[in-house]
C-alpha atoms as a PDB file:
ATOM      1  CA  MET A   1      73.883 112.590  85.735  1.00  0.00           C
ATOM      2  CA  SER A   2      77.460 113.037  84.508  1.00  0.00           C
ATOM      3  CA  THR A   3      80.406 111.276  86.102  1.00  0.00           C
ATOM      4  CA  GLN A   4      81.703 114.666  87.223  1.00  0.00           C
ATOM      5  CA  GLN A   5      78.432 115.405  89.024  1.00  0.00           C
ATOM      6  CA  GLN A   6      78.427 111.963  90.628  1.00  0.00           C
ATOM      7  CA  LEU A   7      81.968 112.469  91.911  1.00  0.00           C
ATOM      8  CA  THR A   8      81.039 115.868  93.330  1.00  0.00           C
ATOM      9  CA  GLU A   9      77.969 114.542  95.140  1.00  0.00           C
ATOM     10  CA  LEU A  10      79.667 111.445  96.549  1.00  0.00           C
ATOM     11  CA  LEU A  11      82.741 113.299  97.804  1.00  0.00           C
ATOM     12  CA  THR A  12      80.747 116.176  99.255  1.00  0.00           C
ATOM     13  CA  ALA A  13      78.487 113.822 101.212  1.00  0.00           C
ATOM     14  CA  ALA A  14      81.290 111.592 102.481  1.00  0.00           C
ATOM     15  CA  LEU A  15      84.128 114.026 103.196  1.00  0.00           C
ATOM     16  CA  GLN A  16      82.389 117.377 103.719  1.00  0.00           C
ATOM     17  CA  PRO A  17      85.235 119.210 102.021  1.00  0.00           C
ATOM     18  CA  ALA A  18      86.125 122.817 102.705  1.00  0.00           C
ATOM     19  CA  HIS A  19      87.227 122.961  99.065  1.00  0.00           C
ATOM     20  CA  LEU A  20      86.528 120.532  96.230  1.00  0.00           C
ATOM     21  CA  GLU A  21      87.485 120.672  92.578  1.00  0.00           C
ATOM     22  CA  VAL A  22      86.452 117.889  90.224  1.00  0.00           C
ATOM     23  CA  ILE A  23      88.291 118.597  86.985  1.00  0.00           C
ATOM     24  CA  ASN A  24      87.498 116.588  83.878  1.00  0.00           C
ATOM     25  CA  GLU A  25      90.806 116.054  82.059  1.00  0.00           C
ATOM     26  CA  SER A  26      89.501 113.588  79.473  1.00  0.00           C
ATOM     27  CA  HIS A  27      90.223 116.068  76.670  1.00  0.00           C
ATOM     28  CA  MET A  28      93.938 115.858  77.525  1.00  0.00           C
ATOM     29  CA  HIS A  29      93.945 112.121  76.866  1.00  0.00           C
ATOM     30  CA  GLY A  30      92.447 111.868  73.421  1.00  0.00           C
ATOM     31  CA  THR A  31      88.929 111.298  74.750  1.00  0.00           C
ATOM     32  CA  PRO A  32      87.228 114.715  74.534  1.00  0.00           C
ATOM     33  CA  THR A  33      83.671 113.367  74.744  1.00  0.00           C
ATOM     34  CA  ASP A  34      84.420 110.793  77.425  1.00  0.00           C
ATOM     35  CA  ASP A  35      84.152 111.239  81.197  1.00  0.00           C
ATOM     36  CA  SER A  36      87.033 108.948  82.074  1.00  0.00           C
ATOM     37  CA  HIS A  37      89.993 111.054  83.331  1.00  0.00           C
ATOM     38  CA  PHE A  38      89.628 113.306  86.366  1.00  0.00           C
ATOM     39  CA  LYS A  39      91.751 115.325  88.740  1.00  0.00           C
ATOM     40  CA  LEU A  40      90.376 115.798  92.242  1.00  0.00           C
ATOM     41  CA  VAL A  41      91.495 118.507  94.611  1.00  0.00           C
ATOM     42  CA  ILE A  42      89.980 117.809  98.018  1.00  0.00           C
ATOM     43  CA  VAL A  43      90.522 119.849 101.158  1.00  0.00           C
ATOM     44  CA  SER A  44      88.962 118.237 104.192  1.00  0.00           C
ATOM     45  CA  GLU A  45      89.443 118.386 107.928  1.00  0.00           C
ATOM     46  CA  SER A  46      89.144 114.596 107.884  1.00  0.00           C
ATOM     47  CA  PHE A  47      92.602 114.458 106.225  1.00  0.00           C
ATOM     48  CA  ALA A  48      94.350 116.184 109.141  1.00  0.00           C
ATOM     49  CA  GLY A  49      96.851 113.801 110.700  1.00  0.00           C
ATOM     50  CA  GLN A  50      96.418 111.188 107.942  1.00  0.00           C
ATOM     51  CA  ARG A  51      99.168 109.914 105.700  1.00  0.00           C
ATOM     52  CA  LEU A  52      98.776 110.248 101.951  1.00  0.00           C
ATOM     53  CA  LEU A  53      97.930 106.564 101.512  1.00  0.00           C
ATOM     54  CA  GLN A  54      95.153 106.776 104.121  1.00  0.00           C
ATOM     55  CA  ARG A  55      93.678 109.803 102.356  1.00  0.00           C
ATOM     56  CA  HIS A  56      93.744 108.119  98.967  1.00  0.00           C
ATOM     57  CA  ARG A  57      92.176 104.958 100.352  1.00  0.00           C
ATOM     58  CA  SER A  58      89.326 106.938 101.887  1.00  0.00           C
ATOM     59  CA  VAL A  59      88.648 108.720  98.571  1.00  0.00           C
ATOM     60  CA  ASN A  60      88.903 105.492  96.565  1.00  0.00           C
ATOM     61  CA  LYS A  61      86.433 103.810  98.927  1.00  0.00           C
ATOM     62  CA  VAL A  62      83.897 106.600  98.350  1.00  0.00           C
ATOM     63  CA  VAL A  63      84.180 106.422  94.544  1.00  0.00           C
ATOM     64  CA  ALA A  64      84.822 102.674  94.184  1.00  0.00           C
ATOM     65  CA  GLU A  65      81.778 102.060  92.001  1.00  0.00           C
ATOM     66  CA  LEU A  66      82.834 104.769  89.548  1.00  0.00           C
ATOM     67  CA  LEU A  67      86.403 103.437  89.472  1.00  0.00           C
ATOM     68  CA  ALA A  68      85.002 100.045  88.490  1.00  0.00           C
ATOM     69  CA  GLY A  69      83.003 101.645  85.694  1.00  0.00           C
ATOM     70  CA  PRO A  70      83.418 104.858  83.749  1.00  0.00           C
ATOM     71  CA  ILE A  71      86.582 106.256  85.373  1.00  0.00           C
ATOM     72  CA  HIS A  72      89.856 105.177  83.789  1.00  0.00           C
ATOM     73  CA  ALA A  73      92.228 107.560  85.614  1.00  0.00           C
ATOM     74  CA  LEU A  74      91.901 109.572  88.803  1.00  0.00           C
ATOM     75  CA  ALA A  75      94.573 111.988  90.035  1.00  0.00           C
ATOM     76  CA  LEU A  76      94.154 112.712  93.737  1.00  0.00           C
ATOM     77  CA  HIS A  77      95.366 115.846  95.473  1.00  0.00           C
ATOM     78  CA  THR A  78      94.261 115.625  99.097  1.00  0.00           C
ATOM     79  CA  TYR A  79      94.979 118.257 101.715  1.00  0.00           C
ATOM     80  CA  SER A  80      94.081 119.297 105.217  1.00  0.00           C
ATOM     81  CA  PRO A  81      92.872 122.922 105.453  1.00  0.00           C
ATOM     82  CA  GLU A  82      96.264 123.975 106.830  1.00  0.00           C
ATOM     83  CA  GLU A  83      98.158 122.315 103.985  1.00  0.00           C
ATOM     84  CA  TRP A  84      95.840 123.896 101.415  1.00  0.00           C
ATOM     85  CA  GLN A  85      96.323 127.326 102.942  1.00  0.00           C
ATOM     86  CA  GLU A  86     100.084 126.929 102.513  1.00  0.00           C
ATOM     87  CA  LEU A  87      99.795 125.610  98.943  1.00  0.00           C
ATOM     88  CA  GLY A  88      96.895 127.767  97.759  1.00  0.00           C
ATOM     89  CA  LYS A  89      96.648 126.478  94.188  1.00  0.00           C
ATOM     90  CA  VAL A  90      95.824 123.439  92.126  1.00  0.00           C
ATOM     91  CA  PRO A  91      98.869 121.454  90.969  1.00  0.00           C
ATOM     92  CA  ALA A  92      99.330 121.323  87.195  1.00  0.00           C
ATOM     93  CA  SER A  93      98.708 118.022  85.454  1.00  0.00           C
ATOM     94  CA  PRO A  94     101.432 116.406  83.360  1.00  0.00           C
ATOM     95  CA  ALA A  95     100.943 115.896  79.640  1.00  0.00           C
ATOM     96  CA  CYS A  96      99.441 112.590  78.581  1.00  0.00           C
ATOM     97  CA  ARG A  97     102.099 110.076  77.527  1.00  0.00           C
ATOM     98  CA  GLY A  98     100.012 107.232  76.234  1.00  0.00           C
ATOM     99  CA  GLY A  99      96.509 105.975  75.886  1.00  0.00           C
ATOM    100  CA  SER A 100      94.793 106.757  72.642  1.00  0.00           C
ATOM    101  CA  GLN A 101      97.058 109.646  71.617  1.00  0.00           C
ATOM    102  CA  LEU A 102      99.296 109.163  68.639  1.00  0.00           C
ATOM    103  CA  ASN A 103     103.026 109.651  69.040  1.00  0.00           C
END
């Protein structure tokens, strides 16, 4: 099972998201065949009333084993359903500024 599939299954089971996007951005970091860089967009009722740090901690706890292994970078975008309704789109990722890319 791919890292992307593992992330999807773990987050779906733990957070029961109303919306979940697991975006593999490894190709943007000079590792096109690697599953090491991901952007997560998670909309969950469990985030309502939580601060950003609390949300990130809850996600990191769910995926801790993957963070200790194949995942090198994980961008988290966590929203309550109300916040997501206001935003309505996935934030763009910045260009890679390091890693294995040549300057």
